[in-house]
Protein backbone atom coordinates (compact mmCIF):
# COMPACT_ATOMS: atom_id res chain seq x y z
CA MET A 1 -3.19 6.76 8.36
CA LEU A 2 -5.05 3.84 6.86
CA VAL A 3 -4.87 0.47 8.60
CA LEU A 4 -5.15 -2.50 6.25
CA THR A 5 -6.54 -5.71 7.72
CA GLY A 6 -7.19 -9.19 6.44
CA GLU A 7 -6.43 -9.79 2.78
CA LEU A 8 -5.48 -7.40 0.03
CA ASP A 9 -6.44 -9.29 -3.08
CA VAL A 10 -8.39 -9.06 -6.32
CA VAL A 11 -11.62 -8.59 -4.33
CA SER A 12 -10.45 -5.88 -1.91
CA ALA A 13 -7.86 -4.09 -4.07
CA PRO A 14 -10.39 -1.83 -5.86
CA GLU A 15 -11.64 -0.51 -2.51
CA LEU A 16 -8.09 0.35 -1.44
CA ALA A 17 -7.46 2.01 -4.80
CA GLN A 18 -10.51 4.22 -4.24
CA CYS A 19 -9.39 5.10 -0.68
CA LEU A 20 -5.89 5.99 -1.91
CA ASN A 21 -7.29 8.12 -4.73
CA GLU A 22 -9.51 9.99 -2.27
CA ALA A 23 -6.67 10.54 0.22
CA LEU A 24 -4.36 11.84 -2.50
CA ALA A 25 -7.10 14.02 -4.00
CA GLU A 26 -7.59 15.65 -0.58
CA GLY A 27 -4.05 16.93 -0.88
CA HIS A 28 -2.43 15.05 1.98
CA ALA A 29 1.32 15.41 1.61
CA ARG A 30 1.87 12.02 3.21
CA VAL A 31 -0.41 9.00 3.27
CA THR A 32 0.63 6.17 5.58
CA LEU A 33 -0.61 2.61 5.29
CA ASP A 34 -0.24 0.44 8.40
CA LEU A 35 0.24 -3.14 7.20
CA SER A 36 0.60 -4.75 10.64
CA GLU A 37 -2.78 -6.48 10.39
CA LEU A 38 -2.55 -7.42 6.71
CA GLU A 39 -2.45 -11.20 6.55
CA PHE A 40 -2.20 -11.69 2.78
CA VAL A 41 -1.41 -9.71 -0.34
CA ASP A 42 -1.59 -10.95 -3.93
CA SER A 43 -0.51 -9.45 -7.24
CA ALA A 44 -3.66 -7.31 -7.47
CA GLY A 45 -2.92 -5.83 -4.06
CA VAL A 46 0.73 -5.20 -4.92
CA SER A 47 -0.38 -3.52 -8.16
CA VAL A 48 -2.65 -1.12 -6.28
CA LEU A 49 0.17 -0.23 -3.89
CA ILE A 50 2.60 0.33 -6.77
CA LYS A 51 0.12 2.56 -8.60
CA GLY A 52 -0.67 4.43 -5.38
CA LYS A 53 3.00 5.08 -4.72
CA GLN A 54 3.58 6.22 -8.30
CA ASP A 55 0.52 8.49 -8.23
CA ALA A 56 1.61 9.99 -4.92
CA GLU A 57 5.15 10.66 -6.10
CA SER A 58 4.04 12.12 -9.43
CA ASN A 59 2.03 14.68 -7.44
CA GLY A 60 4.81 15.51 -4.98
CA ARG A 61 3.33 13.41 -2.20
CA THR A 62 4.53 10.38 -0.25
CA LEU A 63 2.94 6.98 0.29
CA VAL A 64 4.48 5.17 3.26
CA LEU A 65 4.03 1.44 3.88
CA ARG A 66 4.66 0.67 7.56
CA HIS A 67 4.81 -2.36 9.83
CA PRO A 68 4.54 -5.14 7.25
CA THR A 69 3.77 -8.65 8.42
CA GLU A 70 6.21 -11.41 7.48
CA GLN A 71 4.01 -12.54 4.60
CA VAL A 72 3.73 -9.04 3.17
CA HIS A 73 7.46 -8.48 3.56
CA ARG A 74 8.16 -11.76 1.77
CA VAL A 75 5.95 -10.81 -1.18
CA PHE A 76 7.56 -7.39 -1.49
CA ALA A 77 11.02 -8.95 -1.30
CA LEU A 78 10.08 -11.39 -4.09
CA VAL A 79 9.02 -8.57 -6.40
CA GLY A 80 12.03 -6.42 -5.50
CA LEU A 81 10.15 -3.77 -3.52
CA ALA A 82 11.20 -4.58 0.05
CA ASP A 83 12.90 -1.17 0.29
CA TRP A 84 9.44 0.43 0.11
CA LEU A 85 8.59 -1.02 3.53
CA SER A 86 9.40 0.64 6.84
CA ASP A 87 9.00 -0.41 10.45
């Protein structure tokens, strides 16, 4: 499980992309991201999460996004991806 804290934006998104790539390359069947401490996410952050989920699924794996904050939930609802979030 990876715990995301602070802001997921154009500055931090590449680091998350690298972490997700490494986790998926290690062959984990399920990678869980805890979003309970994520205060902000912008389009760059959402893009990394979308790509991570697509990459996981194309390799028979699962990327789970858990415990979103209100702000994160709002952003995902706006882009039509709220169903990707779980408590």
